[in-house]
């Protein structure tokens, strides 16, 4: 199974880029090095000038692929959530019990991808980037226009698959999308807190505390509805 996923190049909304980065060696270098550099510097200090220096190219060349660093971040976010959807589909393909499938889904949301090898982008690096930087891509004045253009399709599709599992378990539960998006966002935030603001959580960066918390939260919420 993992060998199949390793060869998959996920698709994201074409509105995220000016030119498909995987259409050339330069484009591949841009997204691979950007994943590392944004994680290293943070979006505040990341620039196309610094990226160009790393890959031995020019800022102008990078602008041919991405309108700005904000769109590049959204591209990497979208790639991550599309990869997570593939993880969910493959990991639950042979599971009949929806509660088992929900357990896999919660683990994905809390701990990141189960399959951590890919020939195109590094899922481990992407997970760290999403934990530390992704919310900076959403909480902007341009979010409404970006929503209308379909830029967030990948995160929606991943969430909708998990919402459908919740509805299988309890068809009368009224807020499956709200519950899923709450876990998706807050699990990233709690992961960040455990590493940088430890006074905000009992969970350690490594270990099962966060996973146990969110499993209990979701299961009890669905069961008591």
Protein backbone atom coordinates (compact mmCIF):
# COMPACT_ATOMS: atom_id res chain seq x y z
CA UNK A 1 0.00 0.00 0.00
CA UNK A 2 2.71 2.49 0.98
CA UNK A 3 4.65 1.78 -2.19
CA UNK A 4 1.60 2.79 -4.24
CA UNK A 5 1.06 6.01 -2.32
CA UNK A 6 4.74 6.88 -2.53
CA UNK A 7 4.39 7.26 -6.32
CA UNK A 8 1.25 9.43 -6.19
CA UNK A 9 1.43 13.09 -7.10
CA UNK A 10 -1.67 14.69 -5.64
CA UNK A 11 -3.73 17.24 -7.54
CA UNK A 12 -4.58 20.68 -6.16
CA UNK A 13 -6.65 23.58 -7.47
CA UNK A 14 -4.94 25.26 -10.43
CA UNK A 15 -5.87 28.71 -9.06
CA UNK A 16 -3.11 28.23 -6.50
CA UNK A 17 -0.30 28.66 -9.01
CA UNK A 18 0.66 30.56 -12.15
CA UNK A 19 2.47 27.56 -13.61
CA UNK A 20 2.33 23.97 -12.36
CA UNK A 21 5.53 23.58 -10.31
CA UNK A 22 5.77 19.90 -11.17
CA UNK A 23 6.02 20.74 -14.85
CA UNK A 24 9.74 21.51 -14.54
CA UNK A 25 12.81 20.79 -12.42
CA UNK A 26 12.88 24.41 -11.29
CA UNK A 27 9.27 24.24 -10.12
CA UNK A 28 9.99 21.08 -8.16
CA UNK A 29 12.99 22.76 -6.53
CA UNK A 30 10.82 25.75 -5.61
CA UNK A 31 8.17 23.76 -3.72
CA UNK A 32 10.61 21.32 -2.10
CA UNK A 33 12.99 23.98 -0.82
CA UNK A 34 10.11 26.30 0.15
CA UNK A 35 8.70 23.55 2.38
CA UNK A 36 12.00 23.41 4.27
CA UNK A 37 12.73 27.13 4.25
CA UNK A 38 9.29 28.28 5.47
CA UNK A 39 9.52 25.75 8.28
CA UNK A 40 13.01 27.00 9.14
CA UNK A 41 12.37 30.77 8.92
CA UNK A 42 8.62 31.15 9.44
CA UNK A 43 6.41 33.02 6.97
CA UNK A 44 7.37 36.36 8.53
CA UNK A 45 11.02 36.01 7.49
CA UNK A 46 10.59 33.86 4.38
CA UNK A 47 11.03 35.70 1.08
CA UNK A 48 11.31 34.74 -2.57
CA UNK A 49 14.77 36.37 -2.55
CA UNK A 50 15.96 33.92 0.12
CA UNK A 51 14.31 31.01 -1.71
CA UNK A 52 15.94 32.03 -4.99
CA UNK A 53 19.34 32.11 -3.29
CA UNK A 54 18.80 28.60 -1.90
CA UNK A 55 17.88 27.07 -5.24
CA UNK A 56 20.34 29.08 -7.36
CA UNK A 57 17.66 30.91 -9.33
CA UNK A 58 16.04 34.35 -9.46
CA UNK A 59 13.02 35.92 -7.79
CA UNK A 60 11.53 36.57 -11.23
CA UNK A 61 11.66 32.87 -12.02
CA UNK A 62 9.78 32.01 -8.84
CA UNK A 63 7.10 34.61 -9.61
CA UNK A 64 6.41 32.74 -12.84
CA UNK A 65 5.15 29.86 -10.68
CA UNK A 66 3.51 31.65 -7.73
CA UNK A 67 1.93 35.09 -7.46
CA UNK A 68 3.39 35.65 -3.98
CA UNK A 69 4.55 33.78 -0.88
CA UNK A 70 1.00 33.67 0.49
CA UNK A 71 -0.17 31.66 -2.52
CA UNK A 72 2.86 29.39 -2.20
CA UNK A 73 1.91 28.67 1.41
CA UNK A 74 -1.68 27.93 0.39
CA UNK A 75 -0.37 25.60 -2.32
CA UNK A 76 1.66 23.62 0.22
CA UNK A 77 -1.33 23.54 2.60
CA UNK A 78 -3.56 22.22 -0.17
CA UNK A 79 -0.99 19.60 -1.13
CA UNK A 80 -0.86 18.43 2.50
CA UNK A 81 -4.65 18.06 2.84
CA UNK A 82 -4.91 16.28 -0.49
CA UNK A 83 -2.22 13.88 0.73
CA UNK A 84 -4.19 13.40 3.95
CA UNK A 85 -7.28 12.50 1.96
CA UNK A 86 -5.29 9.83 0.11
CA UNK A 87 -4.08 8.54 3.48
CA UNK A 88 -7.65 8.31 4.77
CA UNK A 89 -8.93 6.50 1.69
CA UNK A 90 -6.08 3.97 1.62
CA UNK A 91 -5.97 3.37 5.38
CA UNK A 92 -9.72 2.73 5.67
CA UNK A 93 -10.30 0.88 2.39
CA UNK A 94 -10.74 -2.53 4.07
CA UNK A 95 -12.44 -1.35 7.25
CA UNK A 96 -16.18 -2.04 7.35
CA UNK A 97 -16.87 -0.74 10.87
CA UNK A 98 -17.37 3.07 10.72
CA UNK A 99 -16.09 3.42 14.29
CA UNK A 100 -12.78 1.88 13.22
CA UNK A 101 -12.64 4.24 10.25
CA UNK A 102 -13.37 7.18 12.55
CA UNK A 103 -10.50 6.10 14.79
CA UNK A 104 -8.15 6.21 11.81
CA UNK A 105 -9.50 9.62 10.80
CA UNK A 106 -8.95 11.08 14.28
CA UNK A 107 -5.42 9.72 14.37
CA UNK A 108 -4.73 11.37 11.00
CA UNK A 109 -6.07 14.73 12.17
CA UNK A 110 -4.09 14.64 15.41
CA UNK A 111 -0.82 12.94 14.46
CA UNK A 112 -0.56 13.72 10.75
CA UNK A 113 -0.17 11.33 7.81
CA UNK A 114 0.14 7.60 8.39
CA UNK A 115 2.05 7.20 5.12
CA UNK A 116 5.15 9.41 5.34
CA UNK A 117 7.01 8.72 2.13
CA UNK A 118 6.32 10.42 -1.20
CA UNK A 119 8.50 10.91 -4.25
CA UNK A 120 7.27 14.46 -4.88
CA UNK A 121 7.05 16.25 -1.52
CA UNK A 122 8.05 15.16 1.99
CA UNK A 123 4.88 14.54 4.06
CA UNK A 124 6.82 14.82 7.32
CA UNK A 125 8.11 18.29 6.42
CA UNK A 126 4.65 19.31 5.21
CA UNK A 127 3.09 18.22 8.49
CA UNK A 128 5.49 20.40 10.48
CA UNK A 129 4.85 23.32 8.16
CA UNK A 130 1.07 22.97 8.51
CA UNK A 131 1.29 22.80 12.31
CA UNK A 132 3.45 25.93 12.53
CA UNK A 133 2.35 28.07 9.60
CA UNK A 134 -0.96 27.02 8.03
CA UNK A 135 -3.31 29.28 10.00
CA UNK A 136 -1.33 32.26 8.70
CA UNK A 137 -2.63 31.36 5.26
CA UNK A 138 -6.32 31.37 6.26
CA UNK A 139 -6.80 34.32 8.62
CA UNK A 140 -6.54 37.01 5.96
CA UNK A 141 -8.75 39.63 4.29
CA UNK A 142 -8.52 37.72 1.00
CA UNK A 143 -10.00 34.50 2.37
CA UNK A 144 -13.50 35.08 0.94
CA UNK A 145 -12.23 35.51 -2.61
CA UNK A 146 -9.94 32.50 -2.19
CA UNK A 147 -12.86 30.43 -0.95
CA UNK A 148 -14.91 31.43 -4.00
CA UNK A 149 -12.09 30.37 -6.33
CA UNK A 150 -11.98 26.87 -4.84
CA UNK A 151 -8.57 27.21 -3.24
CA UNK A 152 -9.68 25.38 -0.09
CA UNK A 153 -11.22 22.42 -1.94
CA UNK A 154 -8.67 19.93 -0.61
CA UNK A 155 -9.26 20.67 3.07
CA UNK A 156 -13.03 20.61 2.46
CA UNK A 157 -12.89 17.20 0.77
CA UNK A 158 -10.86 15.69 3.59
CA UNK A 159 -13.27 17.07 6.19
CA UNK A 160 -16.34 15.93 4.27
CA UNK A 161 -15.08 12.34 4.15
CA UNK A 162 -14.75 12.31 7.94
CA UNK A 163 -18.12 14.01 8.38
CA UNK A 164 -19.69 11.22 6.32
CA UNK A 165 -18.22 8.62 8.70
CA UNK A 166 -19.70 10.46 11.69
CA UNK A 167 -23.11 10.47 10.00
CA UNK A 168 -22.83 6.71 9.51
CA UNK A 169 -22.28 6.28 13.24
CA UNK A 170 -24.98 8.73 14.33
CA UNK A 171 -27.25 9.94 11.50
CA UNK A 172 -29.08 12.30 13.88
CA UNK A 173 -25.98 14.23 14.91
CA UNK A 174 -26.48 17.77 13.60
CA UNK A 175 -22.97 19.18 13.45
CA UNK A 176 -20.55 16.70 11.82
CA UNK A 177 -18.72 19.33 9.73
CA UNK A 178 -18.41 21.67 12.69
CA UNK A 179 -17.03 18.90 14.87
CA UNK A 180 -14.54 17.78 12.23
CA UNK A 181 -13.27 21.29 11.45
CA UNK A 182 -12.95 21.96 15.19
CA UNK A 183 -10.76 18.88 15.62
CA UNK A 184 -8.74 19.63 12.48
CA UNK A 185 -7.91 23.16 13.58
CA UNK A 186 -7.57 22.65 17.32
CA UNK A 187 -5.43 19.52 16.95
CA UNK A 188 -2.94 21.59 14.94
CA UNK A 189 -3.07 24.33 17.55
CA UNK A 190 -2.58 21.89 20.43
CA UNK A 191 0.36 20.33 18.59
CA UNK A 192 1.85 23.83 18.28
CA UNK A 193 1.13 24.58 21.94
CA UNK A 194 2.79 21.38 23.13
CA UNK A 195 6.01 22.46 21.38
CA UNK A 196 5.99 26.21 21.96
CA UNK A 197 3.40 27.16 24.62
CA UNK A 198 3.48 24.18 27.00
CA UNK A 199 1.57 26.08 29.68
CA UNK A 200 -1.53 25.82 27.46
CA UNK A 201 -1.74 22.02 27.47
CA UNK A 202 -1.01 18.85 29.46
CA UNK A 203 0.05 17.05 26.29
CA UNK A 204 3.71 16.48 25.42
CA UNK A 205 4.98 16.92 21.83
CA UNK A 206 5.46 13.17 21.59
CA UNK A 207 3.09 10.68 23.16
CA UNK A 208 -0.57 9.78 23.03
CA UNK A 209 -2.16 12.43 25.23
CA UNK A 210 -3.48 14.60 22.39
CA UNK A 211 -4.81 11.61 20.51
CA UNK A 212 -6.58 10.29 23.61
CA UNK A 213 -8.08 13.72 24.30
CA UNK A 214 -9.51 14.14 20.81
CA UNK A 215 -10.78 10.55 20.62
CA UNK A 216 -12.65 11.08 23.87
CA UNK A 217 -13.96 14.44 22.69
CA UNK A 218 -15.31 13.13 19.39
CA UNK A 219 -16.70 9.81 20.64
CA UNK A 220 -18.49 11.35 23.63
CA UNK A 221 -19.86 14.20 21.55
CA UNK A 222 -21.35 11.84 18.97
CA UNK A 223 -22.62 9.37 21.55
CA UNK A 224 -24.34 11.97 23.72
CA UNK A 225 -26.04 13.83 20.87
